Amino acid sequence: MEQHRVATATRETSETNITVTLSLDGNQDIHINTGIGFLDHMLHLLAKHGRFGLCVHAVGDTHIDAHHTVEDIGLTLGEALKQALGNKAGIERYGDAWVPMDEALTQVVIDLSGRPYLVFDGAFTTPVLGGNFETELVEDFFQALSVSGAMNLHVRNIYGRNTHHIIESMFKATGRALRKAVTIHAEIIGVNSTKGVI
């Protein structure tokens, strides 16, 4: 029986107003408007390479900087993922990907374990991209995603020179690893854990 796992999550604070709709199956339409051009590009890559439908609408206090908006989008995307997965019955749970982007190479490994933990290994020589995206926010985004999405997330840049290429390889690899982790396998009975819950 074909699955249609879709969820919409919202987050509204005095700093941001965010709505994320995530479709894990079927629909692969992507519409992203965060007010941060570089982040729009990265989220589009994550969804495209994960074969997800993703709609993100965010209004934030970017006149201050991008921090609140980037972090809160990570939190909202993680919540939408958690909702779309439901009880996680039949999912592979684990996913991994190696993605090159020209001279850069990144590995991402994911466990949708229900236990948030981020290991981030990456350094950026360019502090700001696209005029308003501070590259240190990449780690903050993945930290928020791992916590809200209740996942063990390892993001490891092996090497690279160009900061844009390094970050792009991280987002592409995350999309591809997530695709593996959320995939339902017919031979998995219930949840993929001896505990009986993930």
Protein backbone atom coordinates (compact mmCIF):
# COMPACT_ATOMS: atom_id res chain seq x y z
CA MET A 1 0.00 0.00 0.00
CA GLU A 2 1.44 3.36 -1.02
CA GLN A 3 2.39 5.66 1.82
CA HIS A 4 1.72 9.41 1.93
CA ARG A 5 3.58 10.73 4.94
CA VAL A 6 3.02 14.48 5.09
CA ALA A 7 3.15 16.95 7.97
CA THR A 8 2.99 20.69 8.53
CA ALA A 9 4.71 22.32 11.49
CA THR A 10 4.67 25.95 12.56
CA ARG A 11 6.75 28.02 14.92
CA GLU A 12 5.79 31.55 15.91
CA THR A 13 7.86 33.63 18.30
CA SER A 14 8.59 37.32 18.79
CA GLU A 15 11.56 36.78 16.43
CA THR A 16 10.23 34.46 13.72
CA ASN A 17 7.08 33.11 12.06
CA ILE A 18 7.74 29.86 10.22
CA THR A 19 5.64 27.23 8.46
CA VAL A 20 7.15 24.05 7.05
CA THR A 21 5.30 21.35 5.11
CA LEU A 22 7.27 18.19 4.46
CA SER A 23 6.18 15.30 2.22
CA LEU A 24 8.24 12.11 2.49
CA ASP A 25 6.40 10.27 -0.29
CA GLY A 26 5.01 11.13 -3.69
CA ASN A 27 4.84 14.91 -3.95
CA GLN A 28 8.26 16.43 -4.61
CA ASP A 29 7.22 20.06 -5.10
CA ILE A 30 9.66 22.51 -3.54
CA HIS A 31 8.75 26.10 -2.57
CA ILE A 32 11.11 27.90 -0.23
CA ASN A 33 11.13 31.53 0.90
CA THR A 34 13.11 32.31 4.04
CA GLY A 35 14.36 35.82 3.30
CA ILE A 36 17.88 34.36 3.27
CA GLY A 37 18.87 33.54 -0.29
CA PHE A 38 21.74 31.20 0.53
CA LEU A 39 19.59 29.20 2.95
CA ASP A 40 16.82 28.95 0.33
CA HIS A 41 19.38 27.41 -2.02
CA MET A 42 20.62 24.91 0.60
CA LEU A 43 17.13 23.80 1.64
CA HIS A 44 16.19 23.35 -2.00
CA LEU A 45 19.23 21.09 -2.44
CA LEU A 46 18.38 19.06 0.66
CA ALA A 47 14.82 18.47 -0.55
CA LYS A 48 15.80 17.75 -4.16
CA HIS A 49 18.46 15.21 -3.29
CA GLY A 50 16.25 13.66 -0.61
CA ARG A 51 13.36 13.45 -3.08
CA PHE A 52 11.10 15.24 -0.60
CA GLY A 53 8.31 17.71 -1.10
CA LEU A 54 9.21 20.77 0.93
CA CYS A 55 7.49 24.11 1.45
CA VAL A 56 9.13 26.60 3.79
CA HIS A 57 7.79 30.07 4.48
CA ALA A 58 9.67 32.11 7.03
CA VAL A 59 9.56 35.69 8.20
CA GLY A 60 12.25 36.58 10.71
CA ASP A 61 14.23 39.41 12.22
CA THR A 62 16.87 39.28 9.51
CA HIS A 63 17.42 43.03 9.95
CA ILE A 64 19.34 41.96 13.06
CA ASP A 65 21.01 38.91 11.53
CA ALA A 66 20.03 35.49 10.19
CA HIS A 67 20.59 33.52 13.39
CA HIS A 68 17.04 33.30 14.79
CA THR A 69 15.54 32.47 11.39
CA VAL A 70 18.09 29.78 10.50
CA GLU A 71 17.86 28.06 13.88
CA ASP A 72 14.06 28.20 14.01
CA ILE A 73 13.76 26.76 10.50
CA GLY A 74 15.92 23.85 11.65
CA LEU A 75 13.63 23.34 14.64
CA THR A 76 10.47 23.53 12.52
CA LEU A 77 11.79 21.21 9.81
CA GLY A 78 12.77 18.67 12.46
CA GLU A 79 9.29 18.85 13.99
CA ALA A 80 7.66 18.32 10.57
CA LEU A 81 9.92 15.31 10.00
CA LYS A 82 9.03 13.81 13.37
CA GLN A 83 5.30 14.28 12.70
CA ALA A 84 5.51 12.85 9.17
CA LEU A 85 7.31 9.73 10.44
CA GLY A 86 4.58 8.95 12.96
CA ASN A 87 5.47 5.80 14.93
CA LYS A 88 8.35 5.07 12.48
CA ALA A 89 7.06 1.58 11.76
CA GLY A 90 8.94 -0.10 8.92
CA ILE A 91 11.50 2.63 8.30
CA GLU A 92 15.14 1.79 7.67
CA ARG A 93 16.06 4.18 10.50
CA TYR A 94 19.71 4.51 9.43
CA GLY A 95 20.98 6.42 6.41
CA ASP A 96 24.33 7.55 5.11
CA ALA A 97 25.71 9.42 2.12
CA TRP A 98 29.00 10.61 0.70
CA VAL A 99 28.65 13.66 -1.54
CA PRO A 100 31.40 15.39 -3.50
CA MET A 101 30.99 18.97 -4.68
CA ASP A 102 33.93 19.75 -6.92
CA GLU A 103 36.95 19.79 -4.55
CA ALA A 104 34.86 19.24 -1.40
CA LEU A 105 33.75 15.91 0.06
CA THR A 106 31.31 15.36 2.94
CA GLN A 107 29.93 12.33 4.75
CA VAL A 108 26.60 12.39 6.60
CA VAL A 109 25.30 9.52 8.74
CA ILE A 110 21.85 9.56 10.37
CA ASP A 111 20.05 7.43 12.93
CA LEU A 112 16.40 8.33 13.46
CA SER A 113 16.78 6.93 16.95
CA GLY A 114 14.60 9.32 18.94
CA ARG A 115 17.78 10.39 20.77
CA PRO A 116 19.08 13.79 19.56
CA TYR A 117 22.82 14.13 19.12
CA LEU A 118 24.89 16.13 16.67
CA VAL A 119 28.50 15.53 15.73
CA PHE A 120 29.64 18.30 13.39
CA ASP A 121 33.09 18.38 11.84
CA GLY A 122 33.55 21.27 9.44
CA ALA A 123 35.40 24.56 9.21
CA PHE A 124 34.69 27.49 6.92
CA THR A 125 37.24 30.04 5.76
CA THR A 126 34.59 32.45 4.45
CA PRO A 127 32.56 33.93 7.34
CA VAL A 128 29.57 35.25 5.33
CA LEU A 129 27.93 34.05 2.12
CA GLY A 130 25.16 35.67 0.10
CA GLY A 131 25.44 38.94 1.97
CA ASN A 132 23.51 37.88 5.10
CA PHE A 133 24.30 34.23 5.87
CA GLU A 134 26.97 33.72 8.52
CA THR A 135 28.55 30.35 7.81
CA GLU A 136 28.82 29.44 11.50
CA LEU A 137 25.00 29.13 11.36
CA VAL A 138 25.34 25.88 9.41
CA GLU A 139 26.23 24.02 12.59
CA ASP A 140 23.40 25.78 14.44
CA PHE A 141 20.93 24.66 11.76
CA PHE A 142 22.01 21.03 12.02
CA GLN A 143 21.97 21.19 15.83
CA ALA A 144 18.36 22.44 15.74
CA LEU A 145 17.38 19.81 13.16
CA SER A 146 18.91 16.97 15.18
CA VAL A 147 17.22 18.06 18.41
CA SER A 148 13.76 18.73 17.02
CA GLY A 149 13.87 15.77 14.63
CA ALA A 150 15.10 13.49 17.43
CA MET A 151 17.96 12.11 15.38
CA ASN A 152 21.59 11.19 15.81
CA LEU A 153 23.24 13.26 13.06
CA HIS A 154 26.90 13.13 12.07
CA VAL A 155 28.05 15.70 9.50
CA ARG A 156 31.71 15.37 8.57
CA ASN A 157 33.47 17.39 5.91
CA ILE A 158 36.48 15.40 4.82
CA TYR A 159 38.14 18.14 2.81
CA GLY A 160 37.41 21.16 0.66
CA ARG A 161 38.57 24.67 -0.15
CA ASN A 162 35.50 26.61 -1.26
CA THR A 163 33.09 27.34 1.61
CA HIS A 164 30.03 27.31 -0.64
CA HIS A 165 31.01 23.89 -2.00
CA ILE A 166 31.60 22.48 1.49
CA ILE A 167 28.21 23.63 2.80
CA GLU A 168 26.45 22.51 -0.37
CA SER A 169 27.92 19.02 -0.01
CA MET A 170 26.66 18.93 3.60
CA PHE A 171 23.07 19.76 2.68
CA LYS A 172 23.00 17.40 -0.31
CA ALA A 173 24.43 14.56 1.77
CA THR A 174 21.90 15.22 4.53
CA GLY A 175 19.05 14.97 2.03
CA ARG A 176 20.38 11.72 0.59
CA ALA A 177 21.03 10.18 4.02
CA LEU A 178 17.55 11.16 5.21
CA ARG A 179 16.00 9.57 2.15
CA LYS A 180 17.59 6.24 3.09
CA ALA A 181 16.64 6.56 6.75
CA VAL A 182 12.94 7.33 6.14
CA THR A 183 12.49 4.64 3.47
CA ILE A 184 10.02 1.93 4.42
CA HIS A 185 11.30 -1.63 3.93
CA ALA A 186 8.76 -4.42 3.56
CA GLU A 187 10.87 -6.85 5.59
CA ILE A 188 11.00 -4.61 8.67
CA ILE A 189 8.27 -5.63 11.08
CA GLY A 190 7.19 -2.83 13.41
CA VAL A 191 9.96 -0.46 14.40
CA ASN A 192 13.60 -1.22 13.61
CA SER A 193 14.74 -1.56 17.22
CA THR A 194 15.00 -4.28 19.85
CA LYS A 195 13.44 -1.77 22.27
CA GLY A 196 10.20 -1.82 20.29
CA VAL A 197 10.18 1.97 19.96
CA ILE A 198 12.38 4.62 18.34
